[in-house]
N, C-alpha and C. Protein backbone atom coordinates (compact mmCIF):
# COMPACT_ATOMS: atom_id res chain seq x y z
N MET A 1 -23.74 25.97 7.00
CA MET A 1 -23.54 27.81 7.21
C MET A 1 -22.67 27.32 8.96
N PRO A 2 -22.71 27.00 9.77
CA PRO A 2 -22.16 27.17 10.96
C PRO A 2 -20.63 27.17 10.52
N LEU A 3 -20.32 26.08 10.20
CA LEU A 3 -19.45 26.19 9.64
C LEU A 3 -18.15 27.13 9.00
N GLY A 4 -18.77 27.45 7.79
CA GLY A 4 -18.12 28.51 6.78
C GLY A 4 -18.05 29.86 7.83
N VAL A 5 -19.15 30.39 8.14
CA VAL A 5 -19.15 31.58 9.28
C VAL A 5 -17.66 31.33 10.34
N THR A 6 -17.51 29.97 10.54
CA THR A 6 -16.34 29.77 12.28
C THR A 6 -15.01 30.27 11.25
N LEU A 7 -14.98 29.27 10.02
CA LEU A 7 -13.89 29.84 9.31
C LEU A 7 -13.41 31.07 9.06
N ALA A 8 -14.42 31.48 8.51
CA ALA A 8 -13.79 32.53 8.23
C ALA A 8 -13.92 34.12 9.20
N VAL A 9 -14.66 33.44 10.45
CA VAL A 9 -14.13 34.40 11.74
C VAL A 9 -12.71 34.32 12.36
N GLN A 10 -12.63 32.13 12.26
CA GLN A 10 -11.23 32.13 12.82
C GLN A 10 -10.04 32.70 11.82
N SER A 11 -10.50 32.89 10.44
CA SER A 11 -9.12 32.96 9.29
C SER A 11 -9.30 34.55 9.47
N HIS A 12 -9.91 35.25 9.94
CA HIS A 12 -10.17 36.67 9.96
C HIS A 12 -10.60 37.01 8.22
N THR A 13 -11.42 36.69 7.27
CA THR A 13 -11.39 36.92 6.17
C THR A 13 -12.67 37.50 6.21
N SER A 14 -13.30 37.54 5.33
CA SER A 14 -14.80 38.46 4.19
C SER A 14 -15.98 37.43 5.22
N LEU A 15 -16.64 37.98 6.16
CA LEU A 15 -17.85 37.29 6.66
C LEU A 15 -18.77 37.09 5.32
N LEU A 16 -18.79 38.39 4.57
CA LEU A 16 -19.80 38.09 3.58
C LEU A 16 -19.86 37.45 2.53
N LEU A 17 -18.65 37.57 1.92
CA LEU A 17 -17.98 36.37 1.08
C LEU A 17 -18.67 34.66 1.82
N ALA A 18 -18.08 34.71 2.74
CA ALA A 18 -18.06 33.43 3.13
C ALA A 18 -19.60 32.91 3.54
N ILE A 19 -20.60 33.64 3.50
CA ILE A 19 -21.95 33.35 3.75
C ILE A 19 -22.78 32.95 1.81
N GLY A 20 -21.89 34.33 1.69
CA GLY A 20 -22.06 34.31 -0.11
C GLY A 20 -21.54 32.75 -0.79
N ALA A 21 -20.87 32.55 -0.54
CA ALA A 21 -20.20 31.38 -0.95
C ALA A 21 -20.95 30.09 -0.31
N VAL A 22 -21.30 30.24 0.89
CA VAL A 22 -22.05 29.02 0.96
C VAL A 22 -23.41 28.89 0.23
N PHE A 23 -24.25 29.63 0.46
CA PHE A 23 -25.04 30.08 -0.13
C PHE A 23 -25.33 29.60 -1.80
N ALA A 24 -23.96 29.61 -2.39
CA ALA A 24 -24.21 30.00 -4.20
C ALA A 24 -23.62 28.05 -3.99
N SER A 25 -22.75 27.58 -3.00
CA SER A 25 -22.76 25.98 -3.02
C SER A 25 -23.82 25.32 -3.22
N GLY A 26 -24.58 25.94 -2.31
CA GLY A 26 -25.92 25.14 -1.68
C GLY A 26 -26.74 25.09 -3.13
N THR A 27 -26.59 26.27 -3.93
CA THR A 27 -27.93 26.87 -4.83
C THR A 27 -27.72 25.84 -5.91
N PHE A 28 -26.00 25.55 -5.89
CA PHE A 28 -25.43 24.77 -7.29
C PHE A 28 -25.98 23.70 -6.71
N GLY A 29 -25.71 22.95 -6.09
CA GLY A 29 -25.44 21.40 -5.62
C GLY A 29 -27.24 21.45 -6.02
N ALA A 30 -28.06 22.17 -5.32
CA ALA A 30 -29.18 21.67 -5.78
C ALA A 30 -30.08 22.01 -7.05
N PHE A 31 -29.42 22.96 -7.99
CA PHE A 31 -29.65 22.91 -8.94
C PHE A 31 -29.26 22.28 -10.37
N ALA A 32 -27.91 21.47 -9.68
CA ALA A 32 -27.22 20.49 -10.98
C ALA A 32 -27.15 19.23 -10.74
N SER A 33 -27.67 18.63 -9.09
CA SER A 33 -27.45 17.41 -9.00
C SER A 33 -28.40 16.92 -9.72
N PRO A 34 -28.28 15.72 -10.39
CA PRO A 34 -29.31 14.82 -10.97
C PRO A 34 -30.51 14.26 -9.83
N LEU A 35 -30.22 14.14 -8.48
CA LEU A 35 -30.73 13.19 -7.60
C LEU A 35 -31.68 14.10 -6.72
N SER A 36 -31.11 15.75 -7.41
CA SER A 36 -32.54 16.55 -6.67
C SER A 36 -33.78 16.28 -7.12
N ASP A 37 -34.33 16.93 -5.45
CA ASP A 37 -36.01 17.04 -5.65
C ASP A 37 -36.65 17.44 -6.85
N ASN A 38 -36.35 19.18 -7.54
CA ASN A 38 -37.01 19.73 -8.42
C ASN A 38 -36.27 19.12 -9.25
N THR A 39 -35.68 18.22 -9.79
CA THR A 39 -34.90 17.54 -11.15
C THR A 39 -35.89 16.69 -11.25
N VAL A 40 -36.08 15.56 -10.42
CA VAL A 40 -36.67 14.04 -10.30
C VAL A 40 -37.83 15.11 -10.66
N THR A 41 -38.83 16.07 -9.95
CA THR A 41 -39.91 16.04 -9.75
C THR A 41 -40.30 16.70 -11.52
N THR A 42 -39.44 17.68 -11.83
CA THR A 42 -39.77 17.68 -13.11
C THR A 42 -39.82 16.51 -14.27
N CYS A 43 -38.90 16.11 -14.26
CA CYS A 43 -38.86 15.00 -15.10
C CYS A 43 -39.98 13.96 -14.77
N THR A 44 -40.47 14.08 -14.16
CA THR A 44 -41.61 13.24 -13.73
C THR A 44 -42.90 13.58 -14.56
N VAL A 45 -43.25 15.06 -14.04
CA VAL A 45 -44.15 15.94 -14.68
C VAL A 45 -44.05 15.80 -16.18
N LEU A 46 -43.10 15.92 -16.57
CA LEU A 46 -43.05 16.16 -18.43
C LEU A 46 -42.71 15.13 -18.95
N GLY A 47 -42.44 14.09 -18.41
CA GLY A 47 -42.25 12.30 -18.98
C GLY A 47 -40.24 12.63 -19.50
N ILE A 48 -39.66 13.53 -19.02
CA ILE A 48 -38.11 13.17 -19.66
C ILE A 48 -37.51 12.17 -19.37
N ASP A 49 -36.70 12.07 -19.76
CA ASP A 49 -35.45 11.18 -18.71
C ASP A 49 -34.40 12.22 -17.90
N VAL A 50 -34.22 11.53 -16.70
CA VAL A 50 -33.36 12.84 -15.68
C VAL A 50 -32.01 12.95 -16.05
N VAL A 51 -31.90 11.86 -16.67
CA VAL A 51 -29.69 12.06 -16.86
C VAL A 51 -30.10 12.80 -18.09
N LYS A 52 -30.73 12.70 -18.89
CA LYS A 52 -30.18 13.61 -20.12
C LYS A 52 -31.30 15.33 -19.48
N TYR A 53 -31.92 15.48 -18.48
CA TYR A 53 -32.37 16.43 -18.49
C TYR A 53 -31.17 17.43 -17.20
N ALA A 54 -30.54 16.50 -16.46
CA ALA A 54 -29.65 17.07 -15.77
C ALA A 54 -28.51 17.27 -16.51
N ARG A 55 -28.41 16.55 -17.40
CA ARG A 55 -27.00 16.42 -18.24
C ARG A 55 -26.98 18.52 -18.90
N SER A 56 -28.25 18.69 -19.45
CA SER A 56 -28.64 19.77 -20.13
C SER A 56 -28.52 21.01 -19.11
N LYS A 57 -28.69 20.63 -17.60
CA LYS A 57 -28.79 21.57 -16.59
C LYS A 57 -27.18 22.36 -16.22
N LEU A 58 -26.54 21.02 -16.78
CA LEU A 58 -25.10 21.39 -15.78
C LEU A 58 -24.15 22.61 -16.65
N VAL A 59 -24.49 22.15 -17.52
CA VAL A 59 -23.51 23.69 -18.68
C VAL A 59 -24.08 24.87 -17.98
N PRO A 60 -24.70 25.22 -18.41
CA PRO A 60 -25.73 26.77 -17.45
C PRO A 60 -24.46 26.75 -15.98
N ALA A 61 -24.83 25.62 -15.25
CA ALA A 61 -24.50 25.39 -13.65
C ALA A 61 -22.89 26.10 -13.95
N LEU A 62 -22.19 24.78 -14.91
CA LEU A 62 -20.63 25.09 -14.44
C LEU A 62 -20.38 26.60 -14.83
N ILE A 63 -21.39 27.07 -16.42
CA ILE A 63 -21.04 28.80 -16.14
C ILE A 63 -20.66 29.64 -15.68
N ALA A 64 -22.09 29.60 -14.99
CA ALA A 64 -22.37 30.49 -13.55
C ALA A 64 -21.23 29.79 -12.74
N ALA A 65 -21.19 29.01 -12.65
CA ALA A 65 -20.22 28.60 -11.09
C ALA A 65 -18.95 28.54 -11.39
N GLY A 66 -18.33 29.26 -12.80
CA GLY A 66 -17.21 29.67 -13.35
C GLY A 66 -16.73 31.12 -13.30
N ILE A 67 -17.88 31.39 -13.83
CA ILE A 67 -18.47 33.11 -13.57
C ILE A 67 -18.35 33.28 -11.70
N SER A 68 -18.74 32.31 -11.16
CA SER A 68 -18.59 32.66 -9.27
C SER A 68 -17.09 32.45 -8.70
N VAL A 69 -16.47 32.13 -9.26
CA VAL A 69 -15.57 31.28 -8.84
C VAL A 69 -13.87 32.53 -8.84
N VAL A 70 -14.33 33.22 -10.59
CA VAL A 70 -13.55 33.97 -11.02
C VAL A 70 -13.98 35.64 -10.17
N LEU A 71 -15.48 35.70 -9.44
CA LEU A 71 -15.54 37.01 -8.74
C LEU A 71 -15.34 37.18 -7.34
N TYR A 72 -15.53 35.87 -6.96
CA TYR A 72 -15.55 35.80 -5.55
C TYR A 72 -13.44 35.83 -5.54
N GLY A 73 -12.83 35.22 -6.73
CA GLY A 73 -11.88 35.36 -6.10
C GLY A 73 -11.26 36.65 -6.45
N ALA A 74 -11.54 37.63 -6.91
CA ALA A 74 -11.75 38.87 -7.44
C ALA A 74 -11.67 39.86 -6.40
N PHE A 75 -12.93 39.82 -5.60
CA PHE A 75 -13.34 40.56 -4.47
C PHE A 75 -13.19 39.79 -3.14
N SER A 76 -12.61 38.88 -2.88
CA SER A 76 -11.60 38.41 -1.91
C SER A 76 -10.13 39.10 -1.77
N PHE A 77 -10.08 39.77 -2.90
CA PHE A 77 -8.47 40.87 -2.63
C PHE A 77 -9.02 42.29 -2.28
N PHE A 78 -10.54 42.74 -2.67
CA PHE A 78 -10.73 44.00 -2.06
C PHE A 78 -11.33 44.15 -0.33
N ARG A 79 -11.68 42.90 -0.27
CA ARG A 79 -12.49 42.73 1.21
C ARG A 79 -11.62 42.71 2.55
């Protein structure tokens, strides 16, 4: 977060968009990563394969990331 805020201030861009992008990227990484503690715990409890479960979560995560990229791009022109 400190790097994102510093970059936003120095480049005179929207601080809210920069903070939102930092949180969105962290959430994406935590959700889509096969090494995430949430993924490993869920697979351990349910007794399913970690890689298959991570791949099944990757499709909706990439769809959400694509929508976010489009919306961040669009809102950056208005802010």
